[in-house]
């Protein structure tokens, strides 16, 4: 599976270097491949879910049961929000800029059930009473059949809405217990506006959990090359680029500062991928990055967990 994931990553990196319209055309052409990959390999969803929600459990003692959850930018991968609902959330909402096609046979749901049934410890719950019967019962509470007789989400428990931007969420004030993203936050062009919107929809004491990939998405084999480009040059490079190739170049302290300005308190972080500090590489960075400490530059992927309020 990891070999396939690497192949898809290489394809997307190649496409991201094409002119905008040509890249869009190629992405449309491989969209069905990406969707099929996600459906056939639920372990990718399961791994992401376990990484995010084990961090929420250990850092914030947070479980999904009886909570209202919001995922921003699930992309083709609806599995993480599905597992959050399976863990007992009252409602899980996914918000995206584009639609997700569950396929003609909706085998994403069937495949997810088969994987979780084989390992009923997957959903992170505050007790040890999870078993195959409970797994079947919980799935039955989350899915239904649509008019065509295909599996679909019960909208009172699971809902996927588009097109919505992170700056304008379809949620009422103080209505969400936890907002989470996985490799989405780095693509926001106006992260301050996003954080202010998260503050609006999150209840007092609610959480914000974000796995942020702070690598240069043009080429993951050269993850810090974009720190060698001035801000003006970076903007010019991305005037017409799609959101999945643009990265805002936020570093860890910038993330913490943004959330702090919107009334959030940092509870903890969990680094996932880091590089060994490299002074020769650092010498090629432009300001302000050249003067930043190693911790700001060479931590590439990290989970941040914030609480709204003190």
Protein backbone atom coordinates (compact mmCIF):
# COMPACT_ATOMS: atom_id res chain seq x y z
CA UNK A 1 0.00 0.00 0.00
CA UNK A 2 2.81 2.42 0.84
CA UNK A 3 4.36 1.79 -2.59
CA UNK A 4 1.05 2.73 -4.22
CA UNK A 5 0.78 5.80 -2.01
CA UNK A 6 4.26 6.87 -3.09
CA UNK A 7 3.34 6.41 -6.73
CA UNK A 8 0.26 8.62 -6.35
CA UNK A 9 2.34 11.22 -4.55
CA UNK A 10 4.85 11.28 -7.40
CA UNK A 11 2.03 11.66 -9.93
CA UNK A 12 0.55 14.61 -8.04
CA UNK A 13 3.95 16.27 -7.73
CA UNK A 14 4.47 15.96 -11.49
CA UNK A 15 1.02 17.40 -12.19
CA UNK A 16 1.61 20.29 -9.78
CA UNK A 17 4.49 21.47 -12.00
CA UNK A 18 2.27 21.72 -15.08
CA UNK A 19 0.51 24.94 -16.16
CA UNK A 20 -2.66 25.44 -14.12
CA UNK A 21 -5.26 24.43 -16.75
CA UNK A 22 -3.26 21.45 -17.92
CA UNK A 23 -2.81 20.35 -14.33
CA UNK A 24 -6.54 20.60 -13.70
CA UNK A 25 -7.25 18.46 -16.77
CA UNK A 26 -4.81 15.79 -15.65
CA UNK A 27 -6.23 15.80 -12.12
CA UNK A 28 -9.71 15.24 -13.52
CA UNK A 29 -8.35 12.31 -15.52
CA UNK A 30 -6.87 10.56 -12.48
CA UNK A 31 -9.61 11.50 -10.00
CA UNK A 32 -11.28 8.11 -10.36
CA UNK A 33 -7.95 6.42 -9.61
CA UNK A 34 -7.54 8.40 -6.41
CA UNK A 35 -11.08 7.66 -5.29
CA UNK A 36 -10.65 3.98 -6.08
CA UNK A 37 -7.39 3.94 -4.11
CA UNK A 38 -9.03 5.43 -1.04
CA UNK A 39 -11.97 3.02 -1.24
CA UNK A 40 -9.83 -0.06 -1.70
CA UNK A 41 -7.33 0.83 1.02
CA UNK A 42 -9.20 1.85 4.19
CA UNK A 43 -5.96 1.26 6.17
CA UNK A 44 -4.89 4.72 4.94
CA UNK A 45 -7.96 6.21 6.63
CA UNK A 46 -7.51 4.06 9.71
CA UNK A 47 -3.88 5.10 10.14
CA UNK A 48 -4.72 8.81 9.82
CA UNK A 49 -7.60 8.44 12.28
CA UNK A 50 -5.49 6.62 14.85
CA UNK A 51 -2.67 9.18 14.67
CA UNK A 52 -5.01 12.17 15.08
CA UNK A 53 -7.35 10.75 17.68
CA UNK A 54 -4.75 9.03 19.80
CA UNK A 55 -3.10 12.47 20.07
CA UNK A 56 -6.44 13.98 21.11
CA UNK A 57 -6.88 11.26 23.71
CA UNK A 58 -3.38 11.51 25.18
CA UNK A 59 -2.94 15.29 25.06
CA UNK A 60 -6.49 16.46 25.77
CA UNK A 61 -8.26 13.38 27.18
CA UNK A 62 -10.75 13.79 24.35
CA UNK A 63 -12.98 11.10 22.84
CA UNK A 64 -15.51 11.49 20.05
CA UNK A 65 -18.43 9.93 21.95
CA UNK A 66 -21.38 12.35 22.26
CA UNK A 67 -19.43 15.13 20.52
CA UNK A 68 -20.15 17.21 17.43
CA UNK A 69 -17.15 16.99 15.10
CA UNK A 70 -16.12 18.97 12.02
CA UNK A 71 -13.47 17.97 9.48
CA UNK A 72 -12.26 20.62 7.06
CA UNK A 73 -10.78 19.41 3.79
CA UNK A 74 -11.25 15.62 3.88
CA UNK A 75 -10.60 15.53 0.13
CA UNK A 76 -11.28 12.09 -1.32
CA UNK A 77 -10.76 10.49 2.09
CA UNK A 78 -14.04 10.35 3.98
CA UNK A 79 -12.79 7.48 6.11
CA UNK A 80 -11.49 9.61 8.98
CA UNK A 81 -14.80 11.37 9.56
CA UNK A 82 -16.55 8.01 9.16
CA UNK A 83 -14.40 6.51 11.94
CA UNK A 84 -15.01 9.55 14.16
CA UNK A 85 -18.74 8.86 13.85
CA UNK A 86 -18.15 5.17 14.50
CA UNK A 87 -16.41 6.17 17.72
CA UNK A 88 -19.72 7.56 18.96
CA UNK A 89 -19.87 11.18 17.78
CA UNK A 90 -23.33 12.70 17.81
CA UNK A 91 -22.69 14.26 14.40
CA UNK A 92 -19.69 14.51 12.08
CA UNK A 93 -19.65 17.10 9.35
CA UNK A 94 -17.13 17.21 6.50
CA UNK A 95 -16.65 20.44 4.55
CA UNK A 96 -14.82 20.64 1.23
CA UNK A 97 -14.42 22.79 -1.87
CA UNK A 98 -15.34 19.95 -4.24
CA UNK A 99 -17.66 16.93 -4.29
CA UNK A 100 -16.69 13.40 -3.38
CA UNK A 101 -18.04 10.62 -5.59
CA UNK A 102 -18.59 7.46 -3.56
CA UNK A 103 -18.55 5.41 -6.76
CA UNK A 104 -21.35 3.55 -8.51
CA UNK A 105 -21.38 0.73 -5.99
CA UNK A 106 -20.49 2.76 -2.86
CA UNK A 107 -17.97 0.05 -1.97
CA UNK A 108 -16.10 2.54 0.23
CA UNK A 109 -18.59 1.87 3.04
CA UNK A 110 -18.54 -1.90 2.56
CA UNK A 111 -14.75 -2.00 2.46
CA UNK A 112 -14.46 0.12 5.61
CA UNK A 113 -16.88 -2.17 7.44
CA UNK A 114 -14.87 -5.26 6.46
CA UNK A 115 -11.62 -3.76 7.74
CA UNK A 116 -13.05 -2.52 11.05
CA UNK A 117 -14.90 -5.79 11.63
CA UNK A 118 -11.59 -7.66 11.40
CA UNK A 119 -10.06 -5.33 13.97
CA UNK A 120 -12.82 -3.93 16.20
CA UNK A 121 -10.24 -2.07 18.31
CA UNK A 122 -9.90 0.56 15.57
CA UNK A 123 -12.41 3.15 16.86
CA UNK A 124 -10.88 4.93 19.84
CA UNK A 125 -13.47 4.79 22.62
CA UNK A 126 -13.25 5.43 26.37
CA UNK A 127 -14.08 1.82 27.22
CA UNK A 128 -13.10 -1.71 26.23
CA UNK A 129 -16.54 -3.05 25.36
CA UNK A 130 -16.12 -2.77 21.59
CA UNK A 131 -16.74 -6.05 19.77
CA UNK A 132 -17.97 -7.25 16.38
CA UNK A 133 -21.64 -7.06 17.36
CA UNK A 134 -21.26 -3.49 18.55
CA UNK A 135 -19.34 -2.74 15.35
CA UNK A 136 -22.27 -4.00 13.26
CA UNK A 137 -24.79 -2.07 15.36
CA UNK A 138 -22.84 1.19 15.10
CA UNK A 139 -22.45 0.83 11.35
CA UNK A 140 -26.21 0.29 11.05
CA UNK A 141 -26.77 3.59 12.88
CA UNK A 142 -24.52 5.44 10.42
CA UNK A 143 -25.61 4.13 7.04
CA UNK A 144 -28.83 3.76 5.10
CA UNK A 145 -29.89 2.99 1.53
CA UNK A 146 -30.62 5.77 -0.93
CA UNK A 147 -33.33 5.79 -3.60
CA UNK A 148 -31.09 3.75 -5.91
CA UNK A 149 -30.58 1.09 -3.25
CA UNK A 150 -26.95 2.07 -2.62
CA UNK A 151 -25.38 2.64 0.76
CA UNK A 152 -25.35 6.25 1.91
CA UNK A 153 -24.61 8.21 5.09
CA UNK A 154 -27.43 9.01 7.50
CA UNK A 155 -27.34 12.79 7.36
CA UNK A 156 -28.29 13.18 10.99
CA UNK A 157 -24.97 11.47 11.88
CA UNK A 158 -22.65 11.99 8.91
CA UNK A 159 -22.77 14.73 6.32
CA UNK A 160 -20.43 15.89 3.57
CA UNK A 161 -21.04 19.45 2.32
CA UNK A 162 -19.56 21.32 -0.64
CA UNK A 163 -18.59 23.76 -1.96
CA UNK A 164 -17.60 25.57 1.21
CA UNK A 165 -14.34 27.31 2.07
CA UNK A 166 -12.73 27.16 5.48
CA UNK A 167 -13.24 30.91 5.79
CA UNK A 168 -17.05 30.50 5.65
CA UNK A 169 -18.25 27.33 7.33
CA UNK A 170 -21.87 26.11 7.24
CA UNK A 171 -22.03 25.92 11.03
CA UNK A 172 -23.76 28.01 13.67
CA UNK A 173 -21.83 29.91 16.33
CA UNK A 174 -20.49 27.79 19.22
CA UNK A 175 -21.87 24.57 17.72
CA UNK A 176 -18.82 22.27 17.34
CA UNK A 177 -16.91 20.38 20.04
CA UNK A 178 -13.86 19.60 17.93
CA UNK A 179 -12.56 20.74 14.54
CA UNK A 180 -9.85 18.66 12.89
CA UNK A 181 -7.81 18.72 9.69
CA UNK A 182 -5.22 16.42 8.18
CA UNK A 183 -2.76 17.96 5.70
CA UNK A 184 -5.20 20.76 4.88
CA UNK A 185 -4.19 23.73 7.03
CA UNK A 186 -0.98 24.38 5.08
CA UNK A 187 -3.07 25.07 1.96
CA UNK A 188 -5.17 27.89 3.40
CA UNK A 189 -4.37 31.16 1.65
CA UNK A 190 -5.75 33.25 4.52
CA UNK A 191 -5.03 31.18 7.65
CA UNK A 192 -5.93 34.06 10.00
CA UNK A 193 -9.44 34.22 8.52
CA UNK A 194 -9.72 30.45 8.91
CA UNK A 195 -8.67 30.52 12.57
CA UNK A 196 -11.15 33.31 13.30
CA UNK A 197 -13.88 31.21 11.67
CA UNK A 198 -12.85 28.21 13.79
CA UNK A 199 -13.18 30.40 16.86
CA UNK A 200 -16.69 31.35 15.78
CA UNK A 201 -17.98 27.79 15.33
CA UNK A 202 -16.13 26.12 18.23
CA UNK A 203 -17.79 25.96 21.64
CA UNK A 204 -16.02 27.39 24.67
CA UNK A 205 -13.64 24.68 25.87
CA UNK A 206 -13.85 22.93 22.48
CA UNK A 207 -10.78 21.67 20.66
CA UNK A 208 -8.96 22.30 17.39
CA UNK A 209 -6.68 19.49 16.18
CA UNK A 210 -4.55 19.99 13.08
CA UNK A 211 -1.92 17.78 11.46
CA UNK A 212 -0.01 20.33 9.39
CA UNK A 213 2.43 19.32 6.67
CA UNK A 214 5.01 22.11 6.52
CA UNK A 215 6.88 20.73 3.50
CA UNK A 216 7.25 22.20 0.02
CA UNK A 217 4.41 20.44 -1.82
CA UNK A 218 6.02 21.03 -5.21
CA UNK A 219 8.54 18.29 -4.44
CA UNK A 220 8.48 16.32 -1.20
CA UNK A 221 12.02 15.09 -1.82
CA UNK A 222 13.15 18.74 -1.38
CA UNK A 223 10.87 19.65 1.53
CA UNK A 224 12.39 23.04 2.41
CA UNK A 225 13.21 24.49 -1.01
CA UNK A 226 10.32 26.93 -0.74
CA UNK A 227 12.09 28.70 2.13
CA UNK A 228 14.68 29.86 -0.43
CA UNK A 229 12.12 32.07 -2.21
CA UNK A 230 11.07 35.56 -1.16
CA UNK A 231 7.45 36.18 -0.20
CA UNK A 232 6.77 38.27 -3.32
CA UNK A 233 8.25 35.60 -5.58
CA UNK A 234 6.24 32.91 -3.81
CA UNK A 235 3.01 34.83 -4.36
CA UNK A 236 3.80 35.27 -8.05
CA UNK A 237 4.41 31.55 -8.42
CA UNK A 238 0.95 30.79 -7.05
CA UNK A 239 -1.27 33.51 -8.47
CA UNK A 240 -3.29 30.94 -10.45
CA UNK A 241 -2.24 27.71 -8.79
CA UNK A 242 -4.82 25.31 -7.32
CA UNK A 243 -5.13 24.98 -3.56
CA UNK A 244 -3.57 21.51 -3.43
CA UNK A 245 -0.16 22.80 -4.59
CA UNK A 246 -0.12 26.12 -2.73
CA UNK A 247 1.40 26.09 0.76
CA UNK A 248 1.34 29.07 3.11
CA UNK A 249 4.81 28.36 4.59
CA UNK A 250 3.63 28.75 8.18
CA UNK A 251 6.18 27.55 10.73
CA UNK A 252 5.24 26.14 14.18
CA UNK A 253 5.40 29.41 16.13
CA UNK A 254 3.29 31.08 13.46
CA UNK A 255 0.58 28.46 13.89
CA UNK A 256 0.58 28.93 17.67
CA UNK A 257 0.48 32.72 17.31
CA UNK A 258 -2.48 32.59 14.91
CA UNK A 259 -4.58 30.44 17.21
CA UNK A 260 -3.58 32.51 20.23
CA UNK A 261 -4.81 35.66 18.49
CA UNK A 262 -8.25 34.02 18.10
CA UNK A 263 -8.57 33.01 21.75
CA UNK A 264 -7.17 29.46 21.64
CA UNK A 265 -4.69 27.98 24.12
CA UNK A 266 -2.09 25.45 23.00
CA UNK A 267 -2.50 22.14 24.85
CA UNK A 268 0.26 20.21 23.15
CA UNK A 269 2.04 19.20 19.97
CA UNK A 270 3.14 15.90 18.49
CA UNK A 271 5.93 15.98 15.87
CA UNK A 272 5.46 13.32 13.20
CA UNK A 273 8.25 13.98 10.68
CA UNK A 274 11.46 15.93 11.22
CA UNK A 275 14.77 16.51 9.45
CA UNK A 276 18.22 16.58 10.98
CA UNK A 277 19.27 20.26 11.23
CA UNK A 278 21.48 21.20 8.26
CA UNK A 279 23.50 24.42 8.36
CA UNK A 280 24.42 24.21 4.67
CA UNK A 281 20.75 24.04 3.78
CA UNK A 282 19.90 26.83 6.21
CA UNK A 283 22.48 29.11 4.51
CA UNK A 284 20.31 29.05 1.38
CA UNK A 285 17.12 30.22 3.14
CA UNK A 286 15.85 33.78 2.74
CA UNK A 287 14.63 35.91 5.65
CA UNK A 288 12.79 35.56 7.91
CA UNK A 289 13.51 31.83 7.72
CA UNK A 290 17.31 32.16 7.74
CA UNK A 291 17.18 33.61 11.27
CA UNK A 292 14.70 31.10 12.73
CA UNK A 293 15.79 28.41 15.21
CA UNK A 294 16.12 24.80 14.07
CA UNK A 295 12.84 23.84 15.73
CA UNK A 296 11.01 26.22 13.39
CA UNK A 297 12.64 24.94 10.23
CA UNK A 298 13.28 21.23 10.45
CA UNK A 299 10.04 20.00 12.00
CA UNK A 300 8.14 19.08 8.85
CA UNK A 301 4.86 17.51 9.98
CA UNK A 302 3.30 18.13 13.38
CA UNK A 303 -0.03 17.80 15.15
CA UNK A 304 -1.19 20.88 17.08
CA UNK A 305 -4.01 20.68 19.63
CA UNK A 306 -5.66 23.84 20.94
CA UNK A 307 -8.52 24.57 23.32
CA UNK A 308 -10.82 27.51 22.83
CA UNK A 309 -10.37 29.69 25.91
CA UNK A 310 -8.05 29.19 28.85
